[in-house]
């Protein structure tokens, strides 16, 4: 089974460029990890094509370093994953 996830727009306001890249990288890695979990692909397939899932707004505090920015991205990935999976967090 193949799952394709496309993030068309990710708005990260008021972050330094390096921090924004680290957050985006953390987000991508966490979503990839979540989608690779056993049973998740089948759950997503059962929902059919979803052209758009609104992620809403989140307030993030400024990270102190790139590692913290990446962790912020992973946290964001878990929240987005929960939205995609109907509230189920893994």
N, C-alpha and C. Protein backbone atom coordinates (compact mmCIF):
# COMPACT_ATOMS: atom_id res chain seq x y z
N UNK A 1 0.84 -1.17 0.00
CA UNK A 1 0.00 0.00 0.00
C UNK A 1 0.89 1.24 0.00
N UNK A 2 0.50 2.22 -0.74
CA UNK A 2 1.27 3.45 -0.84
C UNK A 2 0.46 4.61 -0.28
N UNK A 3 1.06 5.38 0.59
CA UNK A 3 0.44 6.57 1.15
C UNK A 3 1.26 7.76 0.70
N UNK A 4 0.60 8.75 0.11
CA UNK A 4 1.27 9.96 -0.32
C UNK A 4 0.73 11.12 0.50
N UNK A 5 1.62 11.83 1.14
CA UNK A 5 1.25 12.99 1.93
C UNK A 5 1.94 14.19 1.31
N UNK A 6 1.16 15.19 0.98
CA UNK A 6 1.71 16.40 0.39
C UNK A 6 1.35 17.57 1.29
N UNK A 7 2.35 18.27 1.76
CA UNK A 7 2.13 19.48 2.56
C UNK A 7 2.25 20.65 1.60
N UNK A 8 1.12 21.21 1.24
CA UNK A 8 1.10 22.29 0.27
C UNK A 8 1.58 23.61 0.83
N UNK A 9 1.28 23.84 2.09
CA UNK A 9 1.65 25.13 2.68
C UNK A 9 1.88 24.94 4.17
N UNK A 10 3.01 25.37 4.61
CA UNK A 10 3.34 25.35 6.04
C UNK A 10 3.81 26.75 6.39
N UNK A 11 3.03 27.45 7.19
CA UNK A 11 3.35 28.83 7.55
C UNK A 11 3.94 28.83 8.95
N UNK A 12 5.17 29.29 9.05
CA UNK A 12 5.86 29.39 10.33
C UNK A 12 6.29 30.85 10.50
N UNK A 13 5.46 31.62 11.13
CA UNK A 13 5.72 33.04 11.29
C UNK A 13 6.67 33.31 12.45
N UNK A 14 7.45 34.34 12.28
CA UNK A 14 8.32 34.86 13.34
C UNK A 14 9.40 33.88 13.79
N UNK A 15 9.79 32.96 12.91
CA UNK A 15 10.90 32.06 13.22
C UNK A 15 12.08 32.41 12.34
N UNK A 16 13.26 32.24 12.89
CA UNK A 16 14.47 32.41 12.09
C UNK A 16 14.47 31.33 11.00
N UNK A 17 15.11 31.61 9.88
CA UNK A 17 15.11 30.67 8.76
C UNK A 17 15.62 29.30 9.18
N UNK A 18 16.72 29.24 9.91
CA UNK A 18 17.27 27.97 10.36
C UNK A 18 16.32 27.23 11.28
N UNK A 19 15.64 27.96 12.16
CA UNK A 19 14.68 27.34 13.06
C UNK A 19 13.48 26.80 12.27
N UNK A 20 13.00 27.57 11.30
CA UNK A 20 11.87 27.13 10.48
C UNK A 20 12.21 25.85 9.72
N UNK A 21 13.43 25.77 9.20
CA UNK A 21 13.85 24.55 8.50
C UNK A 21 13.91 23.36 9.46
N UNK A 22 14.41 23.58 10.66
CA UNK A 22 14.48 22.50 11.65
C UNK A 22 13.08 22.05 12.07
N UNK A 23 12.16 22.99 12.24
CA UNK A 23 10.78 22.65 12.59
C UNK A 23 10.16 21.84 11.45
N UNK A 24 10.34 22.29 10.21
CA UNK A 24 9.79 21.58 9.05
C UNK A 24 10.37 20.18 8.93
N UNK A 25 11.66 20.04 9.18
CA UNK A 25 12.31 18.72 9.12
C UNK A 25 11.75 17.80 10.21
N UNK A 26 11.58 18.32 11.41
CA UNK A 26 11.00 17.54 12.50
C UNK A 26 9.57 17.13 12.21
N UNK A 27 8.80 18.03 11.62
CA UNK A 27 7.43 17.73 11.23
C UNK A 27 7.38 16.59 10.21
N UNK A 28 8.20 16.70 9.18
CA UNK A 28 8.24 15.67 8.13
C UNK A 28 8.65 14.32 8.71
N UNK A 29 9.68 14.32 9.55
CA UNK A 29 10.16 13.04 10.09
C UNK A 29 9.12 12.39 10.99
N UNK A 30 8.41 13.19 11.78
CA UNK A 30 7.40 12.62 12.68
C UNK A 30 6.20 12.10 11.89
N UNK A 31 5.76 12.84 10.89
CA UNK A 31 4.64 12.36 10.07
C UNK A 31 5.03 11.07 9.34
N UNK A 32 6.24 11.02 8.85
CA UNK A 32 6.71 9.79 8.18
C UNK A 32 6.71 8.62 9.15
N UNK A 33 7.17 8.86 10.37
CA UNK A 33 7.19 7.81 11.39
C UNK A 33 5.78 7.34 11.71
N UNK A 34 4.87 8.29 11.89
CA UNK A 34 3.49 7.93 12.24
C UNK A 34 2.82 7.13 11.13
N UNK A 35 3.02 7.55 9.89
CA UNK A 35 2.38 6.88 8.77
C UNK A 35 2.95 5.47 8.58
N UNK A 36 4.20 5.27 8.97
CA UNK A 36 4.83 3.96 8.84
C UNK A 36 4.40 2.97 9.93
N UNK A 37 3.71 3.46 10.97
CA UNK A 37 3.26 2.57 12.05
C UNK A 37 2.32 1.51 11.50
N UNK A 38 2.38 0.29 12.04
CA UNK A 38 1.48 -0.78 11.57
C UNK A 38 0.01 -0.38 11.67
N UNK A 39 -0.71 -0.61 10.59
CA UNK A 39 -2.14 -0.35 10.57
C UNK A 39 -2.55 1.05 10.16
N UNK A 40 -1.62 1.99 10.20
CA UNK A 40 -1.97 3.38 9.89
C UNK A 40 -2.31 3.54 8.41
N UNK A 41 -1.52 2.94 7.53
CA UNK A 41 -1.80 3.05 6.09
C UNK A 41 -3.20 2.52 5.77
N UNK A 42 -3.56 1.39 6.37
CA UNK A 42 -4.89 0.81 6.14
C UNK A 42 -5.98 1.73 6.68
N UNK A 43 -5.73 2.33 7.84
CA UNK A 43 -6.70 3.27 8.41
C UNK A 43 -6.88 4.47 7.49
N UNK A 44 -5.78 4.99 6.96
CA UNK A 44 -5.87 6.12 6.04
C UNK A 44 -6.59 5.73 4.76
N UNK A 45 -6.30 4.54 4.24
CA UNK A 45 -6.95 4.07 3.01
C UNK A 45 -8.46 3.93 3.22
N UNK A 46 -8.86 3.53 4.41
CA UNK A 46 -10.28 3.39 4.71
C UNK A 46 -11.03 4.71 4.67
N UNK A 47 -10.30 5.80 4.85
CA UNK A 47 -10.92 7.12 4.81
C UNK A 47 -11.03 7.70 3.42
N UNK A 48 -10.46 7.00 2.44
CA UNK A 48 -10.50 7.50 1.07
C UNK A 48 -9.57 8.69 0.88
N UNK A 49 -9.67 9.29 -0.28
CA UNK A 49 -8.85 10.47 -0.56
C UNK A 49 -9.34 11.65 0.25
N UNK A 50 -8.42 12.35 0.83
CA UNK A 50 -8.75 13.57 1.56
C UNK A 50 -7.95 14.68 0.91
N UNK A 51 -8.64 15.51 0.17
CA UNK A 51 -7.95 16.58 -0.56
C UNK A 51 -7.32 17.59 0.38
N UNK A 52 -7.95 17.79 1.53
CA UNK A 52 -7.44 18.82 2.43
C UNK A 52 -7.85 18.50 3.86
N UNK A 53 -6.94 18.67 4.76
CA UNK A 53 -7.23 18.58 6.18
C UNK A 53 -6.73 19.87 6.81
N UNK A 54 -7.64 20.62 7.37
CA UNK A 54 -7.26 21.89 8.00
C UNK A 54 -6.58 21.59 9.33
N UNK A 55 -5.40 22.12 9.49
CA UNK A 55 -4.65 21.88 10.71
C UNK A 55 -4.93 22.87 11.80
N UNK A 56 -5.60 23.96 11.47
CA UNK A 56 -5.87 24.97 12.47
C UNK A 56 -4.63 25.77 12.80
N UNK A 57 -4.68 26.46 13.91
CA UNK A 57 -3.56 27.29 14.34
C UNK A 57 -2.97 26.72 15.62
N UNK A 58 -1.68 26.87 15.73
CA UNK A 58 -0.97 26.47 16.93
C UNK A 58 -0.01 27.59 17.29
N UNK A 59 0.20 27.77 18.55
CA UNK A 59 1.18 28.75 19.00
C UNK A 59 2.40 27.99 19.51
N UNK A 60 3.54 28.30 18.94
CA UNK A 60 4.79 27.65 19.34
C UNK A 60 5.68 28.70 19.97
N UNK A 61 6.40 28.30 20.97
CA UNK A 61 7.34 29.27 21.54
C UNK A 61 8.69 29.11 20.85
N UNK A 62 9.45 30.17 20.86
CA UNK A 62 10.75 30.18 20.21
C UNK A 62 11.67 29.15 20.85
N UNK A 63 12.25 28.30 20.03
CA UNK A 63 13.17 27.28 20.54
C UNK A 63 14.54 27.90 20.79
N UNK A 64 15.26 27.30 21.72
CA UNK A 64 16.57 27.84 22.09
C UNK A 64 17.69 27.40 21.16
N UNK A 65 17.47 26.29 20.43
CA UNK A 65 18.50 25.80 19.52
C UNK A 65 17.84 24.93 18.46
N UNK A 66 18.64 24.46 17.52
CA UNK A 66 18.09 23.68 16.40
C UNK A 66 17.48 22.35 16.87
N UNK A 67 18.08 21.73 17.88
CA UNK A 67 17.53 20.47 18.40
C UNK A 67 16.15 20.72 19.00
N UNK A 68 15.99 21.82 19.71
CA UNK A 68 14.69 22.16 20.28
C UNK A 68 13.70 22.50 19.18
N UNK A 69 14.16 23.14 18.11
CA UNK A 69 13.29 23.44 16.97
C UNK A 69 12.81 22.16 16.31
N UNK A 70 13.70 21.19 16.16
CA UNK A 70 13.33 19.90 15.57
C UNK A 70 12.31 19.19 16.46
N UNK A 71 12.48 19.27 17.77
CA UNK A 71 11.51 18.65 18.69
C UNK A 71 10.16 19.35 18.58
N UNK A 72 10.18 20.66 18.42
CA UNK A 72 8.94 21.40 18.20
C UNK A 72 8.25 20.89 16.93
N UNK A 73 9.02 20.65 15.89
CA UNK A 73 8.47 20.10 14.65
C UNK A 73 7.87 18.73 14.85
N UNK A 74 8.54 17.89 15.63
CA UNK A 74 8.01 16.55 15.92
C UNK A 74 6.70 16.64 16.70
N UNK A 75 6.64 17.57 17.66
CA UNK A 75 5.39 17.77 18.41
C UNK A 75 4.27 18.22 17.48
N UNK A 76 4.61 19.11 16.58
CA UNK A 76 3.64 19.56 15.59
C UNK A 76 3.20 18.39 14.71
N UNK A 77 4.15 17.53 14.34
CA UNK A 77 3.83 16.35 13.55
C UNK A 77 2.88 15.42 14.27
N UNK A 78 3.06 15.26 15.57
CA UNK A 78 2.14 14.41 16.35
C UNK A 78 0.74 15.02 16.36
N UNK A 79 0.65 16.34 16.49
CA UNK A 79 -0.65 17.00 16.50
C UNK A 79 -1.34 16.88 15.14
N UNK A 80 -0.59 17.08 14.07
CA UNK A 80 -1.15 16.94 12.73
C UNK A 80 -1.55 15.49 12.49
N UNK A 81 -0.70 14.56 12.93
CA UNK A 81 -1.01 13.14 12.80
C UNK A 81 -2.31 12.79 13.50
N UNK A 82 -2.52 13.35 14.68
CA UNK A 82 -3.76 13.10 15.41
C UNK A 82 -4.96 13.62 14.63
N UNK A 83 -4.81 14.76 13.96
CA UNK A 83 -5.90 15.29 13.13
C UNK A 83 -6.20 14.36 11.97
N UNK A 84 -5.14 13.88 11.33
CA UNK A 84 -5.30 13.00 10.17
C UNK A 84 -5.94 11.69 10.60
N UNK A 85 -5.55 11.18 11.75
CA UNK A 85 -6.03 9.88 12.20
C UNK A 85 -7.27 9.97 13.08
N UNK A 86 -7.91 11.12 13.07
CA UNK A 86 -9.15 11.27 13.83
C UNK A 86 -8.97 11.29 15.33
N UNK A 87 -7.90 11.89 15.80
CA UNK A 87 -7.68 12.04 17.23
C UNK A 87 -6.80 10.96 17.85
N UNK A 88 -6.49 9.90 17.10
CA UNK A 88 -5.65 8.83 17.65
C UNK A 88 -4.19 9.26 17.57
N UNK A 89 -3.52 9.37 18.71
CA UNK A 89 -2.10 9.68 18.71
C UNK A 89 -1.32 8.42 18.99
N UNK A 90 -0.22 8.26 18.23
CA UNK A 90 0.65 7.09 18.45
C UNK A 90 1.96 7.54 18.98
